Amino acid sequence: MSEFSTASKSDLSEVANWISSPKQTREWAGPRVSYPIDKGKLPQQVEWSHAWSFCLANEEELVGFGQVVPKAEARLHLARLIVKPSFRGKGYGVELANSILSYALDQNPKTISLNVFRENKPAIELYKRLGFIAAEREPGDSKSDAQYMVYKT
């Protein structure tokens, strides 16, 4: 059984160890985090003080991480979801995404959004199964070549 809980900065530091290339960094955190990851700057780059950060752990270790970032007009944005490479394909991504989505829904937002790079087909399929659909980016959001999706209730 996995445990979903609030993440610590040491969890974030461990997550940085899972990322081994500029491409992986971009897919996980977008353009605001560069590779190699500077663990000292990482909390600021991922909006640690502004976002709600969560982790998923099994009995022995951290297996997943993700954030919910409050945005304007009662929108919550799911961000930086990642599963430890050795645990991918074992259902932890579904568990992590469901747990983070459930937390976001409990906050009664007007909208829930996320970005996912188009080449990340497994993540896109997961988000579609959870009820997300492709949408137009919100006015005022940073430009991105990632697919913008919103949760359809």
Protein backbone atom coordinates (compact mmCIF):
# COMPACT_ATOMS: atom_id res chain seq x y z
CA MET A 1 0.00 0.00 0.00
CA SER A 2 1.27 3.47 -0.85
CA GLU A 3 1.11 6.56 1.31
CA PHE A 4 0.20 9.95 -0.15
CA SER A 5 1.45 12.85 1.97
CA THR A 6 2.85 16.36 1.98
CA ALA A 7 6.33 16.43 0.45
CA SER A 8 9.41 17.85 2.13
CA LYS A 9 12.31 19.69 0.55
CA SER A 10 14.41 16.56 1.03
CA ASP A 11 11.82 14.67 -1.07
CA LEU A 12 12.22 17.33 -3.77
CA SER A 13 15.99 16.91 -3.61
CA GLU A 14 15.61 13.15 -4.11
CA VAL A 15 13.32 13.69 -7.09
CA ALA A 16 16.07 15.75 -8.73
CA ASN A 17 18.24 12.60 -8.63
CA TRP A 18 15.69 10.78 -10.84
CA ILE A 19 16.28 13.17 -13.73
CA SER A 20 19.27 12.46 -15.94
CA SER A 21 18.98 14.69 -19.01
CA PRO A 22 17.89 18.12 -20.24
CA LYS A 23 14.91 16.47 -22.03
CA GLN A 24 13.72 14.80 -18.82
CA THR A 25 14.13 18.07 -16.94
CA ARG A 26 12.02 19.92 -19.53
CA GLU A 27 9.33 17.23 -19.50
CA TRP A 28 9.14 17.30 -15.71
CA ALA A 29 9.46 21.00 -14.91
CA GLY A 30 9.18 22.95 -18.13
CA PRO A 31 11.57 25.78 -18.98
CA ARG A 32 12.09 27.24 -15.50
CA VAL A 33 14.43 24.45 -14.35
CA SER A 34 17.67 23.85 -16.24
CA TYR A 35 19.89 20.78 -16.37
CA PRO A 36 21.94 19.87 -14.46
CA ILE A 37 19.47 20.68 -11.71
CA ASP A 38 20.77 23.05 -9.04
CA LYS A 39 19.21 21.61 -5.86
CA GLY A 40 19.81 24.87 -4.02
CA LYS A 41 17.69 26.83 -6.52
CA LEU A 42 15.15 24.08 -7.19
CA PRO A 43 12.61 25.01 -4.48
CA GLN A 44 12.33 28.55 -5.85
CA GLN A 45 12.20 27.33 -9.46
CA VAL A 46 9.28 24.98 -8.71
CA GLU A 47 7.33 27.56 -6.70
CA TRP A 48 7.80 25.61 -3.44
CA SER A 49 6.50 28.41 -1.21
CA HIS A 50 3.44 28.99 -3.43
CA ALA A 51 2.47 25.43 -4.41
CA TRP A 52 1.20 22.44 -2.47
CA SER A 53 3.75 19.66 -2.88
CA PHE A 54 3.00 15.98 -2.38
CA CYS A 55 4.79 12.67 -2.46
CA LEU A 56 3.83 9.05 -2.83
CA ALA A 57 5.84 6.41 -0.96
CA ASN A 58 5.63 2.67 -0.74
CA GLU A 59 6.78 0.82 2.38
CA GLU A 60 10.45 1.44 1.64
CA GLU A 61 10.95 4.58 -0.43
CA LEU A 62 9.72 7.64 -2.27
CA VAL A 63 8.15 6.63 -5.58
CA GLY A 64 6.36 9.77 -6.80
CA PHE A 65 6.08 13.53 -6.50
CA GLY A 66 3.72 16.22 -7.77
CA GLN A 67 2.37 19.68 -7.07
CA VAL A 68 -0.84 21.70 -7.13
CA VAL A 69 -0.21 25.35 -7.99
CA PRO A 70 -2.92 27.95 -7.27
CA LYS A 71 -3.56 30.25 -10.23
CA ALA A 72 -5.81 33.26 -10.87
CA GLU A 73 -9.61 32.98 -10.91
CA ALA A 74 -9.90 29.91 -8.65
CA ARG A 75 -7.87 27.69 -10.99
CA LEU A 76 -5.58 24.97 -9.67
CA HIS A 77 -2.77 23.72 -11.87
CA LEU A 78 -1.31 20.22 -11.51
CA ALA A 79 2.43 20.37 -12.07
CA ARG A 80 5.66 18.40 -12.00
CA LEU A 81 4.19 14.93 -11.55
CA ILE A 82 6.89 12.29 -11.71
CA VAL A 83 7.36 8.65 -10.76
CA LYS A 84 10.78 7.24 -9.91
CA PRO A 85 12.11 5.52 -13.05
CA SER A 86 12.40 2.05 -11.46
CA PHE A 87 8.71 2.20 -10.45
CA ARG A 88 7.20 3.32 -13.77
CA GLY A 89 4.68 1.06 -15.43
CA LYS A 90 3.52 -0.39 -12.08
CA GLY A 91 0.46 1.79 -11.43
CA TYR A 92 2.14 4.42 -9.26
CA GLY A 93 1.55 7.16 -11.85
CA VAL A 94 -2.18 6.46 -11.82
CA GLU A 95 -2.21 6.41 -8.01
CA LEU A 96 -0.20 9.64 -7.78
CA ALA A 97 -2.31 11.48 -10.38
CA ASN A 98 -5.58 10.30 -8.79
CA SER A 99 -4.41 11.39 -5.33
CA ILE A 100 -3.31 14.84 -6.53
CA LEU A 101 -6.49 15.31 -8.57
CA SER A 102 -8.60 14.28 -5.57
CA TYR A 103 -6.78 16.82 -3.38
CA ALA A 104 -7.34 19.55 -5.99
CA LEU A 105 -11.05 18.70 -6.33
CA ASP A 106 -11.45 18.90 -2.54
CA GLN A 107 -10.38 22.57 -2.75
CA ASN A 108 -13.48 23.33 -4.91
CA PRO A 109 -11.65 25.13 -7.73
CA LYS A 110 -13.40 26.67 -10.71
CA THR A 111 -10.94 24.91 -13.05
CA ILE A 112 -8.14 22.34 -12.80
CA SER A 113 -5.46 22.47 -15.48
CA LEU A 114 -2.12 20.94 -16.41
CA ASN A 115 0.53 21.02 -19.12
CA VAL A 116 1.97 17.91 -20.74
CA PHE A 117 4.40 17.65 -23.61
CA ARG A 118 2.81 16.12 -26.69
CA GLU A 119 5.52 13.47 -27.03
CA ASN A 120 4.70 12.16 -23.53
CA LYS A 121 1.98 9.83 -24.83
CA PRO A 122 1.65 7.70 -21.65
CA ALA A 123 0.99 10.81 -19.54
CA ILE A 124 -1.50 12.22 -22.05
CA GLU A 125 -3.43 8.94 -22.05
CA LEU A 126 -3.42 8.85 -18.25
CA TYR A 127 -4.74 12.41 -18.02
CA LYS A 128 -7.46 11.65 -20.58
CA ARG A 129 -8.55 8.62 -18.53
CA LEU A 130 -8.77 10.88 -15.48
CA GLY A 131 -11.09 13.28 -17.34
CA PHE A 132 -8.76 15.94 -18.77
CA ILE A 133 -9.30 17.30 -22.26
CA ALA A 134 -7.16 19.47 -24.54
CA ALA A 135 -8.05 23.15 -24.23
CA GLU A 136 -6.93 26.65 -25.15
CA ARG A 137 -4.33 28.11 -22.80
CA GLU A 138 -5.62 30.66 -20.27
CA PRO A 139 -4.99 34.34 -21.05
CA GLY A 140 -1.94 35.52 -19.15
CA ASP A 141 -0.34 32.06 -18.93
CA SER A 142 3.23 31.71 -20.12
CA LYS A 143 3.61 30.57 -23.69
CA SER A 144 4.53 26.92 -23.95
CA ASP A 145 4.81 24.23 -26.57
CA ALA A 146 3.23 21.79 -24.11
CA GLN A 147 -0.37 20.62 -24.49
CA TYR A 148 -2.68 22.51 -22.11
CA MET A 149 -5.45 20.37 -20.63
CA VAL A 150 -8.33 21.03 -18.27
CA TYR A 151 -10.35 18.70 -16.09
CA LYS A 152 -13.86 18.23 -17.43
CA THR A 153 -16.36 17.66 -14.64
